[in-house]
All heavy atoms as atom14 arrays in JSON, in Angstrom:
{
  "sequence": "LWRASVVPGSGVPGEVLQAEGDTLVVACGAQALALHTLQRPGG",
  "atom14_mask": [
    [1, 1, 1, 1, 1, 1, 1, 1, 0, 0, 0, 0, 0, 0],
    [1, 1, 1, 1, 1, 1, 1, 1, 1, 1, 1, 1, 1, 1],
    [1, 1, 1, 1, 1, 1, 1, 1, 1, 1, 1, 0, 0, 0],
    [1, 1, 1, 1, 1, 0, 0, 0, 0, 0, 0, 0, 0, 0],
    [1, 1, 1, 1, 1, 1, 0, 0, 0, 0, 0, 0, 0, 0],
    [1, 1, 1, 1, 1, 1, 1, 0, 0, 0, 0, 0, 0, 0],
    [1, 1, 1, 1, 1, 1, 1, 0, 0, 0, 0, 0, 0, 0],
    [1, 1, 1, 1, 1, 1, 1, 0, 0, 0, 0, 0, 0, 0],
    [1, 1, 1, 1, 0, 0, 0, 0, 0, 0, 0, 0, 0, 0],
    [1, 1, 1, 1, 1, 1, 0, 0, 0, 0, 0, 0, 0, 0],
    [1, 1, 1, 1, 0, 0, 0, 0, 0, 0, 0, 0, 0, 0],
    [1, 1, 1, 1, 1, 1, 1, 0, 0, 0, 0, 0, 0, 0],
    [1, 1, 1, 1, 1, 1, 1, 0, 0, 0, 0, 0, 0, 0],
    [1, 1, 1, 1, 0, 0, 0, 0, 0, 0, 0, 0, 0, 0],
    [1, 1, 1, 1, 1, 1, 1, 1, 1, 0, 0, 0, 0, 0],
    [1, 1, 1, 1, 1, 1, 1, 0, 0, 0, 0, 0, 0, 0],
    [1, 1, 1, 1, 1, 1, 1, 1, 0, 0, 0, 0, 0, 0],
    [1, 1, 1, 1, 1, 1, 1, 1, 1, 0, 0, 0, 0, 0],
    [1, 1, 1, 1, 1, 0, 0, 0, 0, 0, 0, 0, 0, 0],
    [1, 1, 1, 1, 1, 1, 1, 1, 1, 0, 0, 0, 0, 0],
    [1, 1, 1, 1, 0, 0, 0, 0, 0, 0, 0, 0, 0, 0],
    [1, 1, 1, 1, 1, 1, 1, 1, 0, 0, 0, 0, 0, 0],
    [1, 1, 1, 1, 1, 1, 1, 0, 0, 0, 0, 0, 0, 0],
    [1, 1, 1, 1, 1, 1, 1, 1, 0, 0, 0, 0, 0, 0],
    [1, 1, 1, 1, 1, 1, 1, 0, 0, 0, 0, 0, 0, 0],
    [1, 1, 1, 1, 1, 1, 1, 0, 0, 0, 0, 0, 0, 0],
    [1, 1, 1, 1, 1, 0, 0, 0, 0, 0, 0, 0, 0, 0],
    [1, 1, 1, 1, 1, 1, 0, 0, 0, 0, 0, 0, 0, 0],
    [1, 1, 1, 1, 0, 0, 0, 0, 0, 0, 0, 0, 0, 0],
    [1, 1, 1, 1, 1, 0, 0, 0, 0, 0, 0, 0, 0, 0],
    [1, 1, 1, 1, 1, 1, 1, 1, 1, 0, 0, 0, 0, 0],
    [1, 1, 1, 1, 1, 0, 0, 0, 0, 0, 0, 0, 0, 0],
    [1, 1, 1, 1, 1, 1, 1, 1, 0, 0, 0, 0, 0, 0],
    [1, 1, 1, 1, 1, 0, 0, 0, 0, 0, 0, 0, 0, 0],
    [1, 1, 1, 1, 1, 1, 1, 1, 0, 0, 0, 0, 0, 0],
    [1, 1, 1, 1, 1, 1, 1, 1, 1, 1, 0, 0, 0, 0],
    [1, 1, 1, 1, 1, 1, 1, 0, 0, 0, 0, 0, 0, 0],
    [1, 1, 1, 1, 1, 1, 1, 1, 0, 0, 0, 0, 0, 0],
    [1, 1, 1, 1, 1, 1, 1, 1, 1, 0, 0, 0, 0, 0],
    [1, 1, 1, 1, 1, 1, 1, 1, 1, 1, 1, 0, 0, 0],
    [1, 1, 1, 1, 1, 1, 1, 0, 0, 0, 0, 0, 0, 0],
    [1, 1, 1, 1, 0, 0, 0, 0, 0, 0, 0, 0, 0, 0],
    [1, 1, 1, 1, 0, 0, 0, 0, 0, 0, 0, 0, 0, 0]
  ],
  "atom14_positions": [
    [[-13.13, 60.92, 68.97], [-14.16, 59.95, 69.32], [-13.52, 58.91, 70.24], [-12.55, 58.22, 69.83], [-14.7, 59.27, 68.06], [-15.71, 58.15, 68.24], [-16.9, 58.58, 69.07], [-16.16, 57.63, 66.88], [0.0, 0.0, 0.0], [0.0, 0.0, 0.0], [0.0, 0.0, 0.0], [0.0, 0.0, 0.0], [0.0, 0.0, 0.0], [0.0, 0.0, 0.0]],
    [[-14.04, 58.77, 71.45], [-13.41, 57.89, 72.44], [-14.21, 56.63, 72.71], [-13.66, 55.63, 73.21], [-13.23, 58.65, 73.77], [-12.27, 59.76, 73.71], [-12.51, 61.09, 73.77], [-10.84, 59.63, 73.53], [-11.33, 61.81, 73.68], [-10.29, 60.93, 73.54], [-9.97, 58.55, 73.38], [-8.93, 61.2, 73.36], [-8.63, 58.8, 73.2], [-8.13, 60.1, 73.22]],
    [[-15.52, 56.61, 72.39], [-16.28, 55.4, 72.64], [-17.43, 55.35, 71.65], [-18.11, 56.34, 71.39], [-16.79, 55.34, 74.07], [-17.34, 53.95, 74.47], [-17.64, 53.87, 75.97], [-18.75, 54.74, 76.36], [-20.04, 54.35, 76.32], [-20.36, 53.14, 75.88], [-20.98, 55.17, 76.71], [0.0, 0.0, 0.0], [0.0, 0.0, 0.0], [0.0, 0.0, 0.0]],
    [[-17.65, 54.15, 71.09], [-18.72, 53.93, 70.12], [-19.12, 52.48, 70.15], [-18.41, 51.63, 70.74], [-18.28, 54.35, 68.73], [0.0, 0.0, 0.0], [0.0, 0.0, 0.0], [0.0, 0.0, 0.0], [0.0, 0.0, 0.0], [0.0, 0.0, 0.0], [0.0, 0.0, 0.0], [0.0, 0.0, 0.0], [0.0, 0.0, 0.0], [0.0, 0.0, 0.0]],
    [[-20.23, 52.15, 69.56], [-20.65, 50.74, 69.43], [-21.25, 50.49, 68.07], [-21.78, 51.39, 67.42], [-21.68, 50.42, 70.54], [-22.81, 51.26, 70.44], [0.0, 0.0, 0.0], [0.0, 0.0, 0.0], [0.0, 0.0, 0.0], [0.0, 0.0, 0.0], [0.0, 0.0, 0.0], [0.0, 0.0, 0.0], [0.0, 0.0, 0.0], [0.0, 0.0, 0.0]],
    [[-21.1, 49.27, 67.64], [-21.6, 48.87, 66.3], [-23.11, 48.63, 66.4], [-23.59, 47.94, 67.31], [-20.9, 47.61, 65.82], [-21.41, 47.18, 64.47], [-19.37, 47.82, 65.77], [0.0, 0.0, 0.0], [0.0, 0.0, 0.0], [0.0, 0.0, 0.0], [0.0, 0.0, 0.0], [0.0, 0.0, 0.0], [0.0, 0.0, 0.0], [0.0, 0.0, 0.0]],
    [[-23.84, 49.23, 65.44], [-25.31, 49.06, 65.42], [-25.72, 48.79, 63.98], [-25.01, 49.11, 63.03], [-26.01, 50.33, 65.97], [-25.69, 50.55, 67.43], [-25.64, 51.57, 65.14], [0.0, 0.0, 0.0], [0.0, 0.0, 0.0], [0.0, 0.0, 0.0], [0.0, 0.0, 0.0], [0.0, 0.0, 0.0], [0.0, 0.0, 0.0], [0.0, 0.0, 0.0]],
    [[-26.96, 48.23, 63.8], [-27.46, 48.07, 62.41], [-27.65, 49.43, 61.75], [-27.95, 50.45, 62.41], [-28.76, 47.38, 62.63], [-28.7, 46.77, 64.01], [-27.85, 47.72, 64.81], [0.0, 0.0, 0.0], [0.0, 0.0, 0.0], [0.0, 0.0, 0.0], [0.0, 0.0, 0.0], [0.0, 0.0, 0.0], [0.0, 0.0, 0.0], [0.0, 0.0, 0.0]],
    [[-27.49, 49.47, 60.46], [-27.71, 50.72, 59.73], [-26.94, 50.71, 58.43], [-25.92, 49.99, 58.31], [0.0, 0.0, 0.0], [0.0, 0.0, 0.0], [0.0, 0.0, 0.0], [0.0, 0.0, 0.0], [0.0, 0.0, 0.0], [0.0, 0.0, 0.0], [0.0, 0.0, 0.0], [0.0, 0.0, 0.0], [0.0, 0.0, 0.0], [0.0, 0.0, 0.0]],
    [[-27.41, 51.45, 57.46], [-26.69, 51.56, 56.2], [-26.93, 52.93, 55.59], [-27.91, 53.63, 55.91], [-27.21, 50.48, 55.23], [-28.62, 50.63, 54.98], [0.0, 0.0, 0.0], [0.0, 0.0, 0.0], [0.0, 0.0, 0.0], [0.0, 0.0, 0.0], [0.0, 0.0, 0.0], [0.0, 0.0, 0.0], [0.0, 0.0, 0.0], [0.0, 0.0, 0.0]],
    [[-26.03, 53.32, 54.74], [-26.07, 54.59, 54.1], [-24.73, 54.91, 53.48], [-23.79, 54.08, 53.5], [0.0, 0.0, 0.0], [0.0, 0.0, 0.0], [0.0, 0.0, 0.0], [0.0, 0.0, 0.0], [0.0, 0.0, 0.0], [0.0, 0.0, 0.0], [0.0, 0.0, 0.0], [0.0, 0.0, 0.0], [0.0, 0.0, 0.0], [0.0, 0.0, 0.0]],
    [[-24.6, 56.09, 52.92], [-23.29, 56.51, 52.4], [-22.34, 56.66, 53.56], [-22.66, 57.28, 54.58], [-23.44, 57.87, 51.66], [-22.08, 58.34, 51.17], [-24.39, 57.74, 50.5], [0.0, 0.0, 0.0], [0.0, 0.0, 0.0], [0.0, 0.0, 0.0], [0.0, 0.0, 0.0], [0.0, 0.0, 0.0], [0.0, 0.0, 0.0], [0.0, 0.0, 0.0]],
    [[-21.13, 56.06, 53.5], [-20.17, 56.16, 54.62], [-19.97, 57.59, 55.04], [-19.69, 58.5, 54.24], [-18.88, 55.55, 54.06], [-19.38, 54.55, 53.04], [-20.59, 55.19, 52.43], [0.0, 0.0, 0.0], [0.0, 0.0, 0.0], [0.0, 0.0, 0.0], [0.0, 0.0, 0.0], [0.0, 0.0, 0.0], [0.0, 0.0, 0.0], [0.0, 0.0, 0.0]],
    [[-20.15, 57.87, 56.35], [-20.04, 59.19, 56.88], [-21.37, 59.89, 57.03], [-21.45, 60.99, 57.62], [0.0, 0.0, 0.0], [0.0, 0.0, 0.0], [0.0, 0.0, 0.0], [0.0, 0.0, 0.0], [0.0, 0.0, 0.0], [0.0, 0.0, 0.0], [0.0, 0.0, 0.0], [0.0, 0.0, 0.0], [0.0, 0.0, 0.0], [0.0, 0.0, 0.0]],
    [[-22.43, 59.31, 56.46], [-23.75, 59.94, 56.55], [-24.3, 59.79, 57.97], [-24.24, 58.75, 58.58], [-24.69, 59.22, 55.56], [-26.14, 59.74, 55.6], [-27.07, 58.95, 54.71], [-26.55, 58.02, 54.01], [-28.28, 59.22, 54.71], [0.0, 0.0, 0.0], [0.0, 0.0, 0.0], [0.0, 0.0, 0.0], [0.0, 0.0, 0.0], [0.0, 0.0, 0.0]],
    [[-24.85, 60.9, 58.47], [-25.48, 60.87, 59.8], [-26.86, 60.29, 59.67], [-27.73, 60.88, 59.01], [-25.51, 62.28, 60.41], [-26.26, 62.26, 61.73], [-24.13, 62.86, 60.56], [0.0, 0.0, 0.0], [0.0, 0.0, 0.0], [0.0, 0.0, 0.0], [0.0, 0.0, 0.0], [0.0, 0.0, 0.0], [0.0, 0.0, 0.0], [0.0, 0.0, 0.0]],
    [[-27.08, 59.14, 60.25], [-28.38, 58.45, 60.14], [-29.34, 58.89, 61.19], [-30.57, 58.86, 61.0], [-28.16, 56.94, 60.23], [-27.21, 56.32, 59.19], [-27.06, 54.82, 59.43], [-27.69, 56.58, 57.78], [0.0, 0.0, 0.0], [0.0, 0.0, 0.0], [0.0, 0.0, 0.0], [0.0, 0.0, 0.0], [0.0, 0.0, 0.0], [0.0, 0.0, 0.0]],
    [[-28.85, 59.29, 62.35], [-29.72, 59.77, 63.43], [-28.92, 60.69, 64.32], [-27.77, 60.44, 64.66], [-30.23, 58.58, 64.24], [-31.25, 58.95, 65.31], [-31.8, 57.7, 66.04], [-31.45, 56.59, 65.71], [-32.67, 57.92, 66.99], [0.0, 0.0, 0.0], [0.0, 0.0, 0.0], [0.0, 0.0, 0.0], [0.0, 0.0, 0.0], [0.0, 0.0, 0.0]],
    [[-29.52, 61.84, 64.69], [-28.85, 62.8, 65.55], [-29.9, 63.52, 66.39], [-30.42, 64.57, 66.0], [-28.07, 63.78, 64.72], [0.0, 0.0, 0.0], [0.0, 0.0, 0.0], [0.0, 0.0, 0.0], [0.0, 0.0, 0.0], [0.0, 0.0, 0.0], [0.0, 0.0, 0.0], [0.0, 0.0, 0.0], [0.0, 0.0, 0.0], [0.0, 0.0, 0.0]],
    [[-30.18, 62.94, 67.54], [-31.14, 63.57, 68.47], [-30.96, 63.0, 69.84], [-30.59, 61.86, 70.03], [-32.56, 63.35, 67.97], [-32.96, 61.9, 67.83], [-34.37, 61.71, 67.28], [-35.15, 62.69, 67.32], [-34.68, 60.62, 66.79], [0.0, 0.0, 0.0], [0.0, 0.0, 0.0], [0.0, 0.0, 0.0], [0.0, 0.0, 0.0], [0.0, 0.0, 0.0]],
    [[-31.21, 63.87, 70.84], [-31.11, 63.42, 72.25], [-29.74, 62.94, 72.59], [-28.77, 63.68, 72.55], [0.0, 0.0, 0.0], [0.0, 0.0, 0.0], [0.0, 0.0, 0.0], [0.0, 0.0, 0.0], [0.0, 0.0, 0.0], [0.0, 0.0, 0.0], [0.0, 0.0, 0.0], [0.0, 0.0, 0.0], [0.0, 0.0, 0.0], [0.0, 0.0, 0.0]],
    [[-29.62, 61.69, 72.91], [-28.32, 61.1, 73.21], [-27.91, 60.06, 72.16], [-27.12, 59.15, 72.46], [-28.35, 60.41, 74.6], [-29.4, 59.32, 74.69], [-30.13, 59.11, 73.73], [-29.45, 58.68, 75.77], [0.0, 0.0, 0.0], [0.0, 0.0, 0.0], [0.0, 0.0, 0.0], [0.0, 0.0, 0.0], [0.0, 0.0, 0.0], [0.0, 0.0, 0.0]],
    [[-28.41, 60.24, 70.94], [-28.15, 59.27, 69.9], [-27.56, 59.96, 68.65], [-28.14, 60.88, 68.12], [-29.42, 58.53, 69.48], [-29.99, 57.9, 70.65], [-29.15, 57.45, 68.43], [0.0, 0.0, 0.0], [0.0, 0.0, 0.0], [0.0, 0.0, 0.0], [0.0, 0.0, 0.0], [0.0, 0.0, 0.0], [0.0, 0.0, 0.0], [0.0, 0.0, 0.0]],
    [[-26.39, 59.51, 68.28], [-25.74, 59.95, 67.03], [-25.2, 58.72, 66.33], [-24.27, 58.07, 66.81], [-24.62, 60.95, 67.35], [-23.82, 61.45, 66.15], [-24.7, 62.16, 65.11], [-22.69, 62.4, 66.61], [0.0, 0.0, 0.0], [0.0, 0.0, 0.0], [0.0, 0.0, 0.0], [0.0, 0.0, 0.0], [0.0, 0.0, 0.0], [0.0, 0.0, 0.0]],
    [[-25.84, 58.42, 65.21], [-25.48, 57.19, 64.46], [-24.95, 57.56, 63.1], [-25.55, 58.41, 62.38], [-26.71, 56.27, 64.31], [-26.33, 55.03, 63.47], [-27.23, 55.85, 65.69], [0.0, 0.0, 0.0], [0.0, 0.0, 0.0], [0.0, 0.0, 0.0], [0.0, 0.0, 0.0], [0.0, 0.0, 0.0], [0.0, 0.0, 0.0], [0.0, 0.0, 0.0]],
    [[-23.82, 56.98, 62.73], [-23.14, 57.3, 61.49], [-22.98, 56.06, 60.66], [-22.56, 54.97, 61.16], [-21.75, 57.92, 61.78], [-21.07, 58.33, 60.48], [-21.89, 59.14, 62.69], [0.0, 0.0, 0.0], [0.0, 0.0, 0.0], [0.0, 0.0, 0.0], [0.0, 0.0, 0.0], [0.0, 0.0, 0.0], [0.0, 0.0, 0.0], [0.0, 0.0, 0.0]],
    [[-23.28, 56.14, 59.36], [-23.14, 54.99, 58.44], [-21.65, 54.76, 58.17], [-20.83, 55.69, 58.08], [-23.84, 55.29, 57.13], [0.0, 0.0, 0.0], [0.0, 0.0, 0.0], [0.0, 0.0, 0.0], [0.0, 0.0, 0.0], [0.0, 0.0, 0.0], [0.0, 0.0, 0.0], [0.0, 0.0, 0.0], [0.0, 0.0, 0.0], [0.0, 0.0, 0.0]],
    [[-21.3, 53.49, 58.08], [-19.93, 53.06, 57.78], [-19.91, 52.2, 56.54], [-20.97, 51.94, 55.92], [-19.33, 52.35, 58.99], [-19.31, 53.31, 60.5], [0.0, 0.0, 0.0], [0.0, 0.0, 0.0], [0.0, 0.0, 0.0], [0.0, 0.0, 0.0], [0.0, 0.0, 0.0], [0.0, 0.0, 0.0], [0.0, 0.0, 0.0], [0.0, 0.0, 0.0]],
    [[-18.77, 51.68, 56.2], [-18.65, 50.81, 55.01], [-19.49, 49.57, 55.16], [-19.98, 48.98, 54.17], [0.0, 0.0, 0.0], [0.0, 0.0, 0.0], [0.0, 0.0, 0.0], [0.0, 0.0, 0.0], [0.0, 0.0, 0.0], [0.0, 0.0, 0.0], [0.0, 0.0, 0.0], [0.0, 0.0, 0.0], [0.0, 0.0, 0.0], [0.0, 0.0, 0.0]],
    [[-19.66, 49.08, 56.38], [-20.55, 47.98, 56.71], [-21.12, 48.27, 58.07], [-20.39, 48.6, 59.03], [-19.78, 46.63, 56.69], [0.0, 0.0, 0.0], [0.0, 0.0, 0.0], [0.0, 0.0, 0.0], [0.0, 0.0, 0.0], [0.0, 0.0, 0.0], [0.0, 0.0, 0.0], [0.0, 0.0, 0.0], [0.0, 0.0, 0.0], [0.0, 0.0, 0.0]],
    [[-22.41, 48.21, 58.21], [-23.13, 48.55, 59.42], [-22.94, 50.03, 59.79], [-22.56, 50.85, 58.92], [-22.77, 47.62, 60.6], [-23.1, 46.16, 60.33], [-22.78, 45.3, 61.51], [-21.61, 45.02, 61.8], [-23.84, 44.84, 62.21], [0.0, 0.0, 0.0], [0.0, 0.0, 0.0], [0.0, 0.0, 0.0], [0.0, 0.0, 0.0], [0.0, 0.0, 0.0]],
    [[-23.18, 50.39, 61.03], [-23.09, 51.78, 61.45], [-22.49, 51.84, 62.84], [-22.4, 50.84, 63.55], [-24.44, 52.46, 61.4], [0.0, 0.0, 0.0], [0.0, 0.0, 0.0], [0.0, 0.0, 0.0], [0.0, 0.0, 0.0], [0.0, 0.0, 0.0], [0.0, 0.0, 0.0], [0.0, 0.0, 0.0], [0.0, 0.0, 0.0], [0.0, 0.0, 0.0]],
    [[-22.08, 53.07, 63.23], [-21.56, 53.3, 64.57], [-22.47, 54.28, 65.34], [-22.82, 55.32, 64.81], [-20.17, 53.9, 64.5], [-18.93, 53.02, 64.45], [-17.68, 53.85, 64.52], [-18.94, 51.96, 65.55], [0.0, 0.0, 0.0], [0.0, 0.0, 0.0], [0.0, 0.0, 0.0], [0.0, 0.0, 0.0], [0.0, 0.0, 0.0], [0.0, 0.0, 0.0]],
    [[-22.76, 53.88, 66.54], [-23.43, 54.82, 67.49], [-22.28, 55.46, 68.28], [-21.52, 54.74, 68.96], [-24.39, 54.07, 68.39], [0.0, 0.0, 0.0], [0.0, 0.0, 0.0], [0.0, 0.0, 0.0], [0.0, 0.0, 0.0], [0.0, 0.0, 0.0], [0.0, 0.0, 0.0], [0.0, 0.0, 0.0], [0.0, 0.0, 0.0], [0.0, 0.0, 0.0]],
    [[-22.19, 56.78, 68.2], [-21.12, 57.48, 68.89], [-21.57, 57.82, 70.32], [-22.67, 58.33, 70.51], [-20.73, 58.74, 68.13], [-20.55, 58.63, 66.61], [-19.97, 59.91, 66.05], [-19.71, 57.43, 66.22], [0.0, 0.0, 0.0], [0.0, 0.0, 0.0], [0.0, 0.0, 0.0], [0.0, 0.0, 0.0], [0.0, 0.0, 0.0], [0.0, 0.0, 0.0]],
    [[-20.75, 57.58, 71.3], [-21.13, 57.77, 72.69], [-20.33, 58.83, 73.45], [-20.93, 59.64, 74.15], [-20.98, 56.42, 73.45], [-21.81, 55.34, 72.87], [-23.15, 55.43, 72.62], [-21.45, 54.07, 72.45], [-23.62, 54.3, 72.12], [-22.58, 53.46, 71.98], [0.0, 0.0, 0.0], [0.0, 0.0, 0.0], [0.0, 0.0, 0.0], [0.0, 0.0, 0.0]],
    [[-19.02, 58.81, 73.3], [-18.18, 59.77, 74.04], [-17.25, 60.48, 73.09], [-16.53, 59.85, 72.29], [-17.32, 59.02, 75.11], [-18.17, 58.28, 75.95], [-16.52, 60.03, 75.94], [0.0, 0.0, 0.0], [0.0, 0.0, 0.0], [0.0, 0.0, 0.0], [0.0, 0.0, 0.0], [0.0, 0.0, 0.0], [0.0, 0.0, 0.0], [0.0, 0.0, 0.0]],
    [[-17.33, 61.81, 73.11], [-16.55, 62.64, 72.2], [-15.83, 63.76, 72.9], [-16.08, 64.02, 74.1], [-17.48, 63.26, 71.12], [-18.37, 62.25, 70.34], [-19.78, 62.32, 70.9], [-18.35, 62.57, 68.88], [0.0, 0.0, 0.0], [0.0, 0.0, 0.0], [0.0, 0.0, 0.0], [0.0, 0.0, 0.0], [0.0, 0.0, 0.0], [0.0, 0.0, 0.0]],
    [[-14.98, 64.49, 72.19], [-14.2, 65.55, 72.77], [-13.99, 66.64, 71.72], [-13.38, 66.38, 70.69], [-12.88, 65.05, 73.33], [-12.03, 66.08, 74.01], [-10.74, 65.48, 74.58], [-10.41, 64.32, 74.33], [-10.01, 66.26, 75.35], [0.0, 0.0, 0.0], [0.0, 0.0, 0.0], [0.0, 0.0, 0.0], [0.0, 0.0, 0.0], [0.0, 0.0, 0.0]],
    [[-14.47, 67.82, 71.99], [-14.25, 68.98, 71.1], [-12.88, 69.58, 71.37], [-12.32, 69.39, 72.49], [-15.38, 70.02, 71.25], [-16.76, 69.46, 70.96], [-17.81, 70.54, 71.02], [-17.8, 71.37, 69.83], [-18.63, 72.36, 69.58], [-19.61, 72.61, 70.48], [-18.58, 73.07, 68.49], [0.0, 0.0, 0.0], [0.0, 0.0, 0.0], [0.0, 0.0, 0.0]],
    [[-12.33, 70.35, 70.45], [-11.0, 70.95, 70.65], [-11.02, 71.81, 71.93], [-11.86, 72.63, 72.14], [-10.84, 71.85, 69.42], [-11.67, 71.17, 68.37], [-12.86, 70.61, 69.1], [0.0, 0.0, 0.0], [0.0, 0.0, 0.0], [0.0, 0.0, 0.0], [0.0, 0.0, 0.0], [0.0, 0.0, 0.0], [0.0, 0.0, 0.0], [0.0, 0.0, 0.0]],
    [[-10.01, 71.54, 72.77], [-9.86, 72.28, 74.02], [-10.8, 71.86, 75.12], [-10.73, 72.42, 76.24], [0.0, 0.0, 0.0], [0.0, 0.0, 0.0], [0.0, 0.0, 0.0], [0.0, 0.0, 0.0], [0.0, 0.0, 0.0], [0.0, 0.0, 0.0], [0.0, 0.0, 0.0], [0.0, 0.0, 0.0], [0.0, 0.0, 0.0], [0.0, 0.0, 0.0]],
    [[-11.67, 70.89, 74.86], [-12.64, 70.48, 75.84], [-12.31, 69.18, 76.49], [-11.23, 68.6, 76.3], [0.0, 0.0, 0.0], [0.0, 0.0, 0.0], [0.0, 0.0, 0.0], [0.0, 0.0, 0.0], [0.0, 0.0, 0.0], [0.0, 0.0, 0.0], [0.0, 0.0, 0.0], [0.0, 0.0, 0.0], [0.0, 0.0, 0.0], [0.0, 0.0, 0.0]]
  ]
}
């Protein structure tokens, strides 16, 4: 994970709160992270 931003949200830490289009939001210990730039193995 190379880029993310803090967004409102709550849930079990690691829970995917939203996953569609260009939005992937993950619950954290406090608030949530919107993930923006990622890299798969070898990619």
